[in-house]
Protein backbone atom coordinates (compact mmCIF):
# COMPACT_ATOMS: atom_id res chain seq x y z
CA MET A 1 112.86 103.76 154.99
CA ASN A 2 113.29 106.46 152.14
CA ILE A 3 116.25 104.00 150.64
CA TYR A 4 114.34 100.72 150.61
CA ARG A 5 111.68 102.91 148.79
CA ILE A 6 114.30 103.76 146.05
CA ALA A 7 115.45 100.53 145.46
CA LEU A 8 112.11 99.10 144.89
CA VAL A 9 111.45 101.74 142.09
CA GLU A 10 114.80 100.94 141.03
CA LYS A 11 114.33 97.36 140.45
CA PHE A 12 110.61 97.46 138.94
CA SER A 13 111.55 100.46 136.87
CA LYS A 14 114.42 97.99 135.76
CA ARG A 15 111.84 95.49 135.31
CA TRP A 16 109.84 97.40 133.05
CA VAL A 17 112.21 98.76 130.51
CA ARG A 18 113.68 94.88 130.21
CA GLY A 19 109.88 94.20 129.84
CA LEU A 20 109.25 97.33 126.79
CA ALA A 21 112.45 96.01 125.36
CA LEU A 22 111.32 92.40 124.97
CA ALA A 23 108.12 93.39 123.73
CA GLY A 24 109.53 95.95 121.09
CA MET A 25 111.88 92.87 120.04
CA ALA A 26 108.81 90.60 119.78
CA VAL A 27 106.91 92.89 117.68
CA LEU A 28 109.90 93.81 115.60
CA ILE A 29 110.17 90.02 114.59
CA ILE A 30 106.60 89.84 113.69
CA LEU A 31 107.00 92.67 111.24
CA VAL A 32 110.17 91.10 109.92
CA VAL A 33 108.21 87.34 109.73
CA ILE A 34 105.02 89.36 107.77
CA SER A 35 106.90 91.64 105.60
CA CYS A 36 109.26 88.66 104.19
CA GLY A 37 105.87 86.56 103.84
CA THR A 38 104.66 86.25 100.05
CA VAL A 39 101.84 87.53 99.24
CA ASN A 40 100.02 85.86 96.18
CA ARG A 41 96.89 88.10 96.35
CA SER A 42 96.43 91.64 94.62
CA VAL A 43 93.30 93.72 94.36
CA VAL A 44 92.13 95.82 91.88
CA VAL A 45 89.59 98.51 91.08
CA LEU A 46 87.22 97.15 88.59
CA PRO A 47 85.77 99.28 85.45
CA ASN A 48 82.15 99.82 85.75
CA VAL A 49 79.96 99.19 82.75
CA PRO A 50 76.39 100.33 82.47
CA GLY A 51 73.72 97.70 82.25
CA ALA A 52 76.24 95.03 82.81
CA LYS A 53 77.42 93.17 86.19
CA TYR A 54 80.34 90.85 87.62
CA ILE A 55 79.15 87.68 87.49
CA GLY A 56 82.82 85.84 88.80
CA SER A 57 85.19 83.39 86.45
CA LYS A 58 82.81 80.45 87.03
CA GLU A 59 80.68 81.69 84.81
CA CYS A 60 83.14 82.18 82.38
CA GLU A 61 83.96 78.28 82.66
CA GLN A 62 80.61 77.42 81.37
CA CYS A 63 81.74 77.87 77.78
CA HIS A 64 85.60 78.52 78.14
CA GLU A 65 86.34 75.53 80.31
CA GLU A 66 89.55 74.58 78.39
CA LEU A 67 91.16 78.41 78.73
CA CYS A 68 89.43 78.71 82.35
CA ARG A 69 91.29 75.71 83.51
CA SER A 70 94.90 76.60 82.47
CA PHE A 71 93.64 80.48 83.69
CA GLN A 72 94.51 79.04 86.98
CA THR A 73 97.70 78.77 87.30
CA ALA A 74 97.94 82.17 85.65
CA ASP A 75 99.61 84.73 87.17
CA HIS A 76 96.43 87.41 86.56
CA ALA A 77 94.44 84.56 88.32
CA ARG A 78 95.23 86.09 91.36
CA LEU A 79 93.16 89.64 91.03
CA ILE A 80 89.92 89.48 93.06
CA ALA A 81 87.16 91.95 93.64
CA GLU A 82 86.68 93.82 96.76
CA GLY A 83 83.95 92.98 99.83
CA PRO A 84 83.43 90.25 102.25
CA ASN A 85 81.88 87.86 99.38
CA ALA A 86 84.82 88.67 96.77
CA LEU A 87 84.23 87.29 92.99
CA ASN A 88 87.13 85.54 91.36
CA ALA A 89 87.36 88.56 88.64
CA GLY A 90 90.30 87.41 87.15
CA CYS A 91 88.67 87.38 83.43
CA GLU A 92 86.59 90.36 83.97
CA SER A 93 89.15 92.59 85.41
CA CYS A 94 90.61 93.03 81.70
CA HIS A 95 87.17 91.70 79.70
CA GLY A 96 84.67 93.93 82.21
CA PRO A 97 81.59 92.74 83.39
CA CYS A 98 80.03 89.95 81.30
CA SER A 99 76.45 89.02 82.37
CA LEU A 100 75.02 90.51 79.36
CA HIS A 101 77.70 88.01 77.43
CA SER A 102 76.45 85.67 79.16
CA ASP A 103 72.88 85.91 79.58
CA SER A 104 72.90 86.02 75.43
CA GLY A 105 74.72 82.64 74.90
CA GLY A 106 77.85 84.33 73.79
CA GLU A 107 76.05 86.58 70.99
CA VAL A 108 76.79 90.16 73.38
CA LYS A 109 80.65 90.35 73.08
CA PRO A 110 82.24 91.39 76.49
CA PRO A 111 82.81 94.34 76.97
CA TYR A 112 85.87 95.15 76.39
CA SER A 113 87.24 93.19 73.39
CA PHE A 114 90.93 93.90 72.14
CA THR A 115 93.16 95.03 69.49
CA ALA A 116 96.54 95.65 68.98
CA GLY A 117 97.73 99.39 68.42
CA ARG A 118 95.80 102.81 69.07
CA PRO A 119 92.25 102.90 67.51
CA GLN A 120 91.97 104.26 64.16
CA PRO A 121 89.81 106.99 62.66
CA ARG A 122 87.06 105.30 60.62
CA GLY A 123 84.14 107.58 58.14
CA SER A 124 84.84 110.11 55.29
CA ALA A 125 85.65 112.81 58.43
CA ALA A 126 87.94 110.74 59.93
CA ARG A 127 86.12 110.71 63.27
CA LEU A 128 85.09 107.45 65.29
CA THR A 129 81.85 106.72 63.82
CA GLU A 130 81.83 103.94 66.61
CA VAL A 131 83.24 102.85 69.77
CA PRO A 132 86.32 100.84 68.56
CA PRO A 133 87.96 98.04 70.46
CA ARG A 134 89.71 98.59 73.59
CA ALA A 135 93.50 98.37 72.76
CA THR A 136 94.94 95.65 74.47
CA GLU A 137 97.92 97.67 75.57
CA LYS A 138 95.81 100.11 77.62
CA VAL A 139 94.20 97.48 79.86
CA CYS A 140 97.95 96.53 80.57
CA TYR A 141 98.54 99.92 81.30
CA GLU A 142 95.85 100.47 84.16
CA CYS A 143 98.31 98.11 86.50
CA HIS A 144 101.42 98.69 84.75
CA LEU A 145 101.93 102.62 84.77
CA GLU A 146 105.23 102.41 84.60
CA ILE A 147 105.63 100.49 81.70
CA ARG A 148 103.28 102.77 79.82
CA GLY A 149 106.20 105.68 80.18
CA GLN A 150 108.85 103.15 78.86
CA PHE A 151 106.74 102.57 75.66
CA SER A 152 106.95 106.50 75.40
CA LEU A 153 110.78 106.94 74.59
CA PRO A 154 112.79 107.10 71.86
CA ASN A 155 113.29 104.01 71.19
CA HIS A 156 110.52 101.04 72.04
CA HIS A 157 109.21 97.69 70.83
CA GLN A 158 106.03 98.79 68.46
CA VAL A 159 103.58 98.27 71.03
CA PRO A 160 102.09 101.99 70.69
CA GLU A 161 101.82 101.46 66.74
CA GLY A 162 100.27 98.21 67.07
CA ARG A 163 102.50 95.74 65.42
CA MET A 164 103.24 94.25 68.54
CA SER A 165 101.05 93.09 71.20
CA CYS A 166 101.56 92.86 75.37
CA THR A 167 100.31 89.07 75.20
CA GLN A 168 103.33 88.32 72.42
CA CYS A 169 105.34 88.06 75.57
CA HIS A 170 102.90 88.07 78.36
CA PRO A 171 100.54 85.56 78.11
CA PRO A 172 98.09 86.32 80.29
CA HIS A 173 96.10 83.09 79.89
CA LYS A 174 98.44 80.68 81.47
CA GLY A 175 101.06 80.40 83.50
CA ASN A 176 104.06 82.48 84.27
CA ALA A 177 103.11 86.14 82.58
CA PHE A 178 106.55 85.97 80.72
CA ALA A 179 106.59 83.77 77.65
CA GLY A 180 109.63 82.32 78.30
CA GLY A 181 109.22 81.84 82.32
CA GLY A 182 110.90 78.98 83.50
CA THR A 183 113.65 77.39 85.88
CA ALA A 184 116.15 76.93 82.67
CA LEU A 185 119.09 79.52 82.54
CA LEU A 186 118.36 80.49 79.37
CA SER A 187 114.25 79.93 78.90
CA GLN A 188 114.46 83.82 79.84
CA ASN A 189 115.90 84.95 76.33
CA GLU A 190 113.16 82.64 74.00
CA THR A 191 110.37 85.15 74.16
CA CYS A 192 113.24 87.55 72.48
CA PHE A 193 113.70 84.89 70.24
CA GLN A 194 110.24 84.34 68.72
CA CYS A 195 111.18 87.61 66.80
CA HIS A 196 115.37 87.55 66.63
CA PRO A 197 116.27 83.64 65.94
CA ALA A 198 119.45 84.54 64.19
CA LEU A 199 120.78 85.59 67.66
CA ARG A 200 120.02 82.25 69.13
CA GLY A 201 122.93 81.17 67.34
CA PRO A 202 124.53 78.75 68.13
CA PHE A 203 128.02 80.56 67.72
CA THR A 204 131.40 78.70 68.04
CA PHE A 205 132.62 81.81 70.56
CA GLU A 206 129.60 83.23 72.01
CA HIS A 207 129.14 86.18 74.11
CA GLU A 208 128.44 85.08 77.43
CA ALA A 209 126.18 87.66 78.45
CA LEU A 210 123.65 86.19 76.50
CA ARG A 211 123.80 83.22 79.59
CA GLU A 212 122.52 86.35 81.88
CA GLY A 213 120.12 87.02 79.58
CA CYS A 214 118.63 89.80 76.71
CA THR A 215 117.91 92.45 79.51
CA THR A 216 121.43 92.79 80.65
CA CYS A 217 121.96 94.87 78.06
CA HIS A 218 118.52 95.63 76.19
CA SER A 219 115.55 97.00 78.08
CA PRO A 220 112.55 95.31 77.02
CA HIS A 221 109.86 97.81 76.60
CA GLY A 222 111.74 101.01 75.62
CA SER A 223 114.87 103.21 76.46
CA ILE A 224 116.61 106.50 75.15
CA ASN A 225 119.21 104.66 73.57
CA ALA A 226 119.73 103.34 70.32
CA MET A 227 118.63 99.75 69.83
CA MET A 228 117.58 99.79 73.41
CA LEU A 229 120.49 99.51 75.04
CA THR A 230 120.70 100.20 78.96
CA GLU A 231 123.74 102.34 78.52
CA ARG A 232 124.58 104.15 75.20
CA ASN A 233 128.73 103.74 75.09
CA ALA A 234 131.04 101.52 76.13
CA ASN A 235 130.07 101.79 79.88
CA LEU A 236 127.57 99.08 78.96
CA CYS A 237 130.42 96.65 78.44
CA LEU A 238 132.52 97.94 81.30
CA LYS A 239 129.76 96.64 83.61
CA CYS A 240 131.23 93.09 82.83
CA HIS A 241 134.78 93.65 81.66
CA PHE A 242 136.74 95.60 84.12
CA GLN A 243 139.33 97.90 83.77
CA GLN A 244 143.16 97.67 85.03
CA MET A 245 145.28 100.93 85.25
CA ARG A 246 148.94 100.54 84.53
CA GLY A 247 150.37 104.02 84.31
CA ALA A 248 148.66 105.88 82.22
CA LYS A 249 147.31 103.02 80.17
CA ILE A 250 143.70 101.04 80.44
CA TYR A 251 144.14 97.52 79.98
CA ILE A 252 141.05 95.63 79.65
CA GLY A 253 141.27 91.60 78.99
CA GLY A 254 144.76 92.17 79.18
CA SER A 255 144.65 94.20 76.06
CA ASP A 256 145.50 97.93 75.89
CA HIS A 257 142.62 100.09 75.43
CA THR A 258 143.51 103.61 76.04
CA LEU A 259 142.98 104.46 72.77
CA ARG A 260 140.01 101.94 71.50
CA LEU A 261 137.69 103.79 74.10
CA GLN A 262 138.03 107.20 72.27
CA GLN A 263 137.30 105.92 68.89
CA GLY A 264 133.67 104.53 70.00
CA THR A 265 131.80 102.79 71.43
CA CYS A 266 132.92 98.67 71.61
CA TRP A 267 130.33 97.23 68.77
CA ASN A 268 130.78 99.67 66.69
CA ALA A 269 134.69 100.62 66.16
CA GLY A 270 135.29 97.85 64.25
CA CYS A 271 136.16 95.90 67.52
CA HIS A 272 133.94 93.50 69.08
CA GLU A 273 130.99 94.11 66.33
CA ALA A 274 128.99 90.58 66.51
CA VAL A 275 128.34 91.44 69.82
CA HIS A 276 126.06 88.35 70.43
CA GLY A 277 128.37 85.96 69.23
CA SER A 278 130.73 85.04 66.42
CA ARG A 279 131.48 81.75 64.33
CA VAL A 280 134.43 82.80 63.43
CA ASN A 281 136.76 85.12 65.74
CA SER A 282 137.34 84.96 69.58
CA SER A 283 137.43 88.30 69.96
CA LEU A 284 133.87 88.85 69.04
CA SER A 285 135.28 91.25 65.95
CA PHE A 286 133.17 89.54 63.12
């Protein structure tokens, strides 16, 4: 009898373990599916402005029809307010609550009107005599804190100084948040070519790195290295141009670079100075 009970217990124990394992696998599969799913909505904490309330982007469409129509395709259109009756607060997530602006027929500006750069002191005492417009980058920093840190590095694009604006490279009102965004392989460079047209080419001997994108070598917001390079020395080039050791010599591209690597970086040692492309030299020397 005892043997029968032991066998019965073992039988049910095996079934229980098997069932638990199957349940665990099912939960794991569900978690994988959820984690791999695309999240196309995000929630932001919207700023409060005394005397104004949020009215939703539909109200903005009454006067800004074309802009709102384009905004439906924008990455920033995914911003929503909290709550079961969430408003599509895409416009107001950056411009602030616009009830006063709407009720006045546009005479009262939205709480946040934007200018580039830091607010400048006004008045003879060099004090802010009035509340200045909100700097564009300050709004962007609220969600992109890591970019704010990059702009504090020694070499950066002149956004904090007011010579550039985030919106020059990241249009907020239409389509992809990158000005050069697209499916074409070289489209990612178009943003950079707006200000650096001479680097577009065409070159007789092109540097294939351009096909990978400018950000292969340059940090787009800021870097500790000169020219906003991702690496400060020959290590930048060696990411793509592999070394071969032959005895005590270092060969790169079939050429002996043992002494050349000691002279400095590849692009300022008189070797490959035409780093973006050359019209006369296949080794990009000039």
